[in-house]
Amino acid sequence: MSSEKPKLDVKEKAVKYGPKKPNKFILWINRFKKSPEDTQPSIQGFYQDKERNLFKVAIWKNTNDDGSVYFNGSMEDLGVKQNVYEMPKPQPKPVEKTETLDDDIPY
């Protein structure tokens, strides 16, 4: 029996590792990029907008002719929403009955 974990696809990774609050990014350095000439993004991660839609983010570090560093990137809509948990509805508190109407009626 293999102890390897199954590989997650991009949508499953976004739900598991992505931001849990709206308008947040989670970014990390791409550890598989070996050289500046490599076409893989320098930074990658996930973004969640205010409607809780998840996006895949890729950012490349570049230099122009005069040596200035700049970043450019892309965002890909994954078509999935982050889990929205239903808030529990408050239960009405039981009213303590200290007396009833029958106690007020004389017999």
N, C-alpha and C. Protein backbone atom coordinates (compact mmCIF):
# COMPACT_ATOMS: atom_id res chain seq x y z
N MET A 1 0.84 -1.17 0.00
CA MET A 1 0.00 0.00 0.00
C MET A 1 0.89 1.24 0.00
N SER A 2 0.63 2.17 -0.88
CA SER A 2 1.46 3.36 -1.04
C SER A 2 1.05 4.42 -0.01
N SER A 3 2.05 5.11 0.54
CA SER A 3 1.77 6.16 1.51
C SER A 3 1.77 7.54 0.85
N GLU A 4 1.83 7.59 -0.48
CA GLU A 4 1.84 8.86 -1.19
C GLU A 4 0.47 9.50 -1.16
N LYS A 5 0.46 10.83 -1.02
CA LYS A 5 -0.80 11.56 -1.05
C LYS A 5 -1.20 11.80 -2.50
N PRO A 6 -2.50 11.80 -2.80
CA PRO A 6 -2.89 12.08 -4.18
C PRO A 6 -2.63 13.55 -4.51
N LYS A 7 -2.24 13.82 -5.76
CA LYS A 7 -1.97 15.19 -6.18
C LYS A 7 -3.29 15.94 -6.32
N LEU A 8 -3.29 17.17 -5.84
CA LEU A 8 -4.48 18.02 -5.94
C LEU A 8 -4.41 18.82 -7.24
N ASP A 9 -5.56 19.03 -7.88
CA ASP A 9 -5.55 19.91 -9.04
C ASP A 9 -5.61 21.36 -8.56
N VAL A 10 -5.57 22.30 -9.48
CA VAL A 10 -5.46 23.71 -9.14
C VAL A 10 -6.65 24.19 -8.31
N LYS A 11 -7.85 23.75 -8.67
CA LYS A 11 -9.04 24.18 -7.93
C LYS A 11 -9.03 23.65 -6.50
N GLU A 12 -8.63 22.39 -6.33
CA GLU A 12 -8.56 21.83 -4.98
C GLU A 12 -7.49 22.52 -4.14
N LYS A 13 -6.35 22.86 -4.77
CA LYS A 13 -5.31 23.60 -4.06
C LYS A 13 -5.80 24.98 -3.64
N ALA A 14 -6.55 25.63 -4.52
CA ALA A 14 -7.07 26.96 -4.21
C ALA A 14 -8.01 26.92 -3.03
N VAL A 15 -8.88 25.93 -2.97
CA VAL A 15 -9.82 25.82 -1.86
C VAL A 15 -9.08 25.47 -0.57
N LYS A 16 -8.08 24.58 -0.66
CA LYS A 16 -7.37 24.14 0.54
C LYS A 16 -6.38 25.19 1.05
N TYR A 17 -5.57 25.77 0.16
CA TYR A 17 -4.50 26.67 0.58
C TYR A 17 -4.79 28.15 0.35
N GLY A 18 -5.85 28.44 -0.39
CA GLY A 18 -6.15 29.82 -0.73
C GLY A 18 -6.62 30.64 0.46
N PRO A 19 -6.78 31.94 0.26
CA PRO A 19 -7.21 32.81 1.36
C PRO A 19 -8.63 32.47 1.81
N LYS A 20 -8.88 32.65 3.08
CA LYS A 20 -10.19 32.32 3.64
C LYS A 20 -11.07 33.56 3.82
N LYS A 21 -10.49 34.75 3.67
CA LYS A 21 -11.24 35.99 3.82
C LYS A 21 -11.25 36.73 2.49
N PRO A 22 -12.31 37.51 2.22
CA PRO A 22 -12.39 38.25 0.95
C PRO A 22 -11.29 39.29 0.80
N ASN A 23 -10.95 39.60 -0.46
CA ASN A 23 -9.95 40.60 -0.84
C ASN A 23 -8.57 40.31 -0.23
N LYS A 24 -8.15 39.06 -0.25
CA LYS A 24 -6.84 38.67 0.28
C LYS A 24 -6.06 37.88 -0.78
N PHE A 25 -4.74 38.01 -0.72
CA PHE A 25 -3.81 37.24 -1.54
C PHE A 25 -3.05 36.27 -0.65
N ILE A 26 -2.67 35.14 -1.22
CA ILE A 26 -1.67 34.26 -0.62
C ILE A 26 -0.69 33.98 -1.74
N LEU A 27 0.55 34.44 -1.54
CA LEU A 27 1.59 34.31 -2.56
C LEU A 27 2.80 33.59 -1.99
N TRP A 28 3.53 32.88 -2.83
CA TRP A 28 4.75 32.23 -2.42
C TRP A 28 5.72 32.22 -3.59
N ILE A 29 7.01 32.12 -3.27
CA ILE A 29 8.06 32.06 -4.28
C ILE A 29 8.03 30.68 -4.94
N ASN A 30 8.15 30.66 -6.25
CA ASN A 30 8.16 29.40 -6.99
C ASN A 30 9.51 28.72 -6.80
N ARG A 31 9.54 27.63 -6.07
CA ARG A 31 10.80 26.94 -5.77
C ARG A 31 11.31 26.11 -6.95
N PHE A 32 10.48 25.93 -7.98
CA PHE A 32 10.90 25.13 -9.13
C PHE A 32 11.56 25.96 -10.21
N LYS A 33 11.56 27.28 -10.08
CA LYS A 33 12.22 28.14 -11.06
C LYS A 33 13.72 28.10 -10.80
N LYS A 34 14.49 27.65 -11.76
CA LYS A 34 15.92 27.43 -11.58
C LYS A 34 16.77 28.60 -12.06
N SER A 35 16.34 29.30 -13.12
CA SER A 35 17.15 30.39 -13.66
C SER A 35 16.23 31.52 -14.12
N PRO A 36 16.77 32.73 -14.28
CA PRO A 36 15.95 33.85 -14.74
C PRO A 36 15.38 33.63 -16.14
N GLU A 37 16.02 32.80 -16.95
CA GLU A 37 15.54 32.53 -18.30
C GLU A 37 14.37 31.54 -18.32
N ASP A 38 14.13 30.88 -17.20
CA ASP A 38 13.04 29.91 -17.10
C ASP A 38 11.71 30.64 -17.29
N THR A 39 10.77 30.01 -17.99
CA THR A 39 9.49 30.67 -18.29
C THR A 39 8.47 30.54 -17.17
N GLN A 40 8.79 29.83 -16.10
CA GLN A 40 7.85 29.70 -14.98
C GLN A 40 7.76 31.02 -14.22
N PRO A 41 6.62 31.30 -13.57
CA PRO A 41 6.49 32.54 -12.82
C PRO A 41 7.41 32.55 -11.59
N SER A 42 7.85 33.74 -11.21
CA SER A 42 8.71 33.90 -10.02
C SER A 42 7.90 33.75 -8.75
N ILE A 43 6.69 34.28 -8.77
CA ILE A 43 5.80 34.24 -7.61
C ILE A 43 4.46 33.71 -8.09
N GLN A 44 3.85 32.86 -7.29
CA GLN A 44 2.52 32.35 -7.64
C GLN A 44 1.68 32.25 -6.39
N GLY A 45 0.38 32.12 -6.59
CA GLY A 45 -0.50 32.01 -5.44
C GLY A 45 -1.96 32.12 -5.83
N PHE A 46 -2.77 32.54 -4.86
CA PHE A 46 -4.21 32.63 -5.06
C PHE A 46 -4.73 33.95 -4.51
N TYR A 47 -5.83 34.41 -5.10
CA TYR A 47 -6.51 35.63 -4.67
C TYR A 47 -7.99 35.33 -4.54
N GLN A 48 -8.64 35.94 -3.54
CA GLN A 48 -10.08 35.81 -3.36
C GLN A 48 -10.70 37.20 -3.39
N ASP A 49 -11.66 37.43 -4.30
CA ASP A 49 -12.29 38.74 -4.38
C ASP A 49 -13.41 38.87 -3.35
N LYS A 50 -14.10 40.02 -3.36
CA LYS A 50 -15.10 40.25 -2.33
C LYS A 50 -16.33 39.35 -2.46
N GLU A 51 -16.55 38.76 -3.66
CA GLU A 51 -17.65 37.80 -3.82
C GLU A 51 -17.20 36.37 -3.54
N ARG A 52 -15.99 36.20 -3.01
CA ARG A 52 -15.40 34.93 -2.61
C ARG A 52 -15.06 34.02 -3.79
N ASN A 53 -14.86 34.61 -5.00
CA ASN A 53 -14.39 33.87 -6.16
C ASN A 53 -12.88 33.72 -6.05
N LEU A 54 -12.36 32.55 -6.40
CA LEU A 54 -10.93 32.29 -6.30
C LEU A 54 -10.25 32.44 -7.66
N PHE A 55 -9.04 33.03 -7.64
CA PHE A 55 -8.25 33.25 -8.84
C PHE A 55 -6.85 32.69 -8.61
N LYS A 56 -6.24 32.19 -9.68
CA LYS A 56 -4.85 31.77 -9.64
C LYS A 56 -4.01 32.97 -10.10
N VAL A 57 -2.96 33.29 -9.35
CA VAL A 57 -2.12 34.45 -9.63
C VAL A 57 -0.72 33.98 -10.01
N ALA A 58 -0.16 34.57 -11.07
CA ALA A 58 1.22 34.29 -11.48
C ALA A 58 1.91 35.63 -11.73
N ILE A 59 3.11 35.82 -11.15
CA ILE A 59 3.86 37.07 -11.27
C ILE A 59 5.29 36.75 -11.72
N TRP A 60 5.76 37.48 -12.74
CA TRP A 60 7.11 37.31 -13.25
C TRP A 60 7.94 38.54 -12.90
N LYS A 61 9.17 38.32 -12.46
CA LYS A 61 10.11 39.40 -12.19
C LYS A 61 10.94 39.61 -13.46
N ASN A 62 11.01 40.85 -13.91
CA ASN A 62 11.72 41.17 -15.15
C ASN A 62 12.62 42.38 -14.94
N THR A 63 13.56 42.57 -15.83
CA THR A 63 14.38 43.78 -15.85
C THR A 63 14.31 44.38 -17.25
N ASN A 64 14.27 45.71 -17.30
CA ASN A 64 14.27 46.35 -18.61
C ASN A 64 15.70 46.69 -19.02
N ASP A 65 15.86 47.38 -20.14
CA ASP A 65 17.20 47.64 -20.71
C ASP A 65 18.10 48.47 -19.80
N ASP A 66 17.51 49.38 -19.01
CA ASP A 66 18.35 50.21 -18.14
C ASP A 66 18.61 49.56 -16.78
N GLY A 67 18.15 48.32 -16.57
CA GLY A 67 18.44 47.58 -15.35
C GLY A 67 17.39 47.70 -14.26
N SER A 68 16.32 48.44 -14.52
CA SER A 68 15.24 48.57 -13.52
C SER A 68 14.44 47.27 -13.45
N VAL A 69 14.09 46.91 -12.24
CA VAL A 69 13.30 45.69 -12.02
C VAL A 69 11.82 46.04 -12.02
N TYR A 70 11.02 45.24 -12.70
CA TYR A 70 9.57 45.43 -12.69
C TYR A 70 8.90 44.06 -12.66
N PHE A 71 7.65 44.04 -12.25
CA PHE A 71 6.88 42.81 -12.16
C PHE A 71 5.68 42.91 -13.09
N ASN A 72 5.34 41.83 -13.74
CA ASN A 72 4.08 41.74 -14.47
C ASN A 72 3.47 40.39 -14.16
N GLY A 73 2.16 40.30 -14.32
CA GLY A 73 1.52 39.05 -13.93
C GLY A 73 0.18 38.86 -14.57
N SER A 74 -0.46 37.79 -14.16
CA SER A 74 -1.78 37.46 -14.66
C SER A 74 -2.61 36.82 -13.55
N MET A 75 -3.91 36.92 -13.73
CA MET A 75 -4.87 36.31 -12.81
C MET A 75 -5.84 35.48 -13.63
N GLU A 76 -6.02 34.23 -13.24
CA GLU A 76 -6.91 33.33 -13.96
C GLU A 76 -8.07 32.95 -13.05
N ASP A 77 -9.30 33.22 -13.51
CA ASP A 77 -10.48 32.86 -12.73
C ASP A 77 -10.63 31.34 -12.72
N LEU A 78 -10.72 30.77 -11.53
CA LEU A 78 -10.83 29.31 -11.41
C LEU A 78 -12.28 28.82 -11.46
N GLY A 79 -13.23 29.74 -11.40
CA GLY A 79 -14.63 29.35 -11.47
C GLY A 79 -15.10 28.59 -10.25
N VAL A 80 -14.49 28.86 -9.10
CA VAL A 80 -14.87 28.18 -7.86
C VAL A 80 -14.91 29.22 -6.75
N LYS A 81 -15.83 29.02 -5.83
CA LYS A 81 -15.95 29.92 -4.68
C LYS A 81 -15.37 29.25 -3.45
N GLN A 82 -14.77 30.07 -2.58
CA GLN A 82 -14.26 29.56 -1.31
C GLN A 82 -15.47 29.19 -0.46
N ASN A 83 -15.31 28.20 0.41
CA ASN A 83 -16.40 27.74 1.25
C ASN A 83 -16.98 28.89 2.05
N VAL A 84 -18.30 28.99 2.00
CA VAL A 84 -19.00 29.98 2.80
C VAL A 84 -19.80 29.20 3.83
N TYR A 85 -19.44 29.39 5.07
CA TYR A 85 -20.11 28.66 6.13
C TYR A 85 -21.35 29.42 6.57
N GLU A 86 -22.43 28.69 6.74
CA GLU A 86 -23.66 29.31 7.21
C GLU A 86 -23.53 29.63 8.69
N MET A 87 -23.92 30.82 9.02
CA MET A 87 -23.91 31.21 10.42
C MET A 87 -25.11 30.56 11.11
N PRO A 88 -24.93 30.03 12.30
CA PRO A 88 -26.06 29.42 12.99
C PRO A 88 -27.09 30.50 13.36
N LYS A 89 -28.34 30.15 13.19
CA LYS A 89 -29.40 31.08 13.54
C LYS A 89 -29.58 31.07 15.05
N PRO A 90 -29.72 32.24 15.65
CA PRO A 90 -29.88 32.27 17.10
C PRO A 90 -31.22 31.63 17.50
N GLN A 91 -31.16 30.80 18.50
CA GLN A 91 -32.36 30.16 19.01
C GLN A 91 -33.00 31.07 20.07
N PRO A 92 -34.31 31.18 20.04
CA PRO A 92 -34.94 32.03 21.07
C PRO A 92 -34.73 31.41 22.45
N LYS A 93 -34.45 32.29 23.39
CA LYS A 93 -34.22 31.81 24.75
C LYS A 93 -35.56 31.44 25.38
N PRO A 94 -35.59 30.33 26.11
CA PRO A 94 -36.86 29.95 26.75
C PRO A 94 -37.21 30.95 27.85
N VAL A 95 -38.49 31.27 27.87
CA VAL A 95 -38.98 32.22 28.87
C VAL A 95 -39.30 31.43 30.13
N GLU A 96 -38.78 31.91 31.25
CA GLU A 96 -39.06 31.25 32.51
C GLU A 96 -40.47 31.62 32.96
N LYS A 97 -41.24 30.60 33.25
CA LYS A 97 -42.61 30.84 33.70
C LYS A 97 -42.62 30.79 35.23
N THR A 98 -42.78 31.94 35.81
CA THR A 98 -42.84 31.99 37.27
C THR A 98 -44.28 31.87 37.75
N GLU A 99 -45.20 32.36 36.93
CA GLU A 99 -46.61 32.22 37.30
C GLU A 99 -47.42 32.05 36.03
N THR A 100 -48.57 31.51 36.16
CA THR A 100 -49.43 31.32 35.01
C THR A 100 -50.69 32.15 35.20
N LEU A 101 -51.48 32.23 34.17
CA LEU A 101 -52.73 32.99 34.27
C LEU A 101 -53.71 32.33 35.24
N ASP A 102 -53.60 31.03 35.40
CA ASP A 102 -54.51 30.32 36.31
C ASP A 102 -54.30 30.77 37.75
N ASP A 103 -53.12 31.23 38.07
CA ASP A 103 -52.87 31.67 39.45
C ASP A 103 -53.62 32.96 39.77
N ASP A 104 -53.95 33.75 38.74
CA ASP A 104 -54.61 35.02 38.98
C ASP A 104 -56.14 34.87 39.07
N ILE A 105 -56.68 33.77 38.60
CA ILE A 105 -58.14 33.61 38.58
C ILE A 105 -58.60 32.96 39.89
N PRO A 106 -59.48 33.65 40.62
CA PRO A 106 -60.00 33.02 41.85
C PRO A 106 -61.07 31.98 41.50
N TYR A 107 -61.15 30.94 42.28
CA TYR A 107 -62.14 29.90 42.05
C TYR A 107 -63.30 30.06 42.95
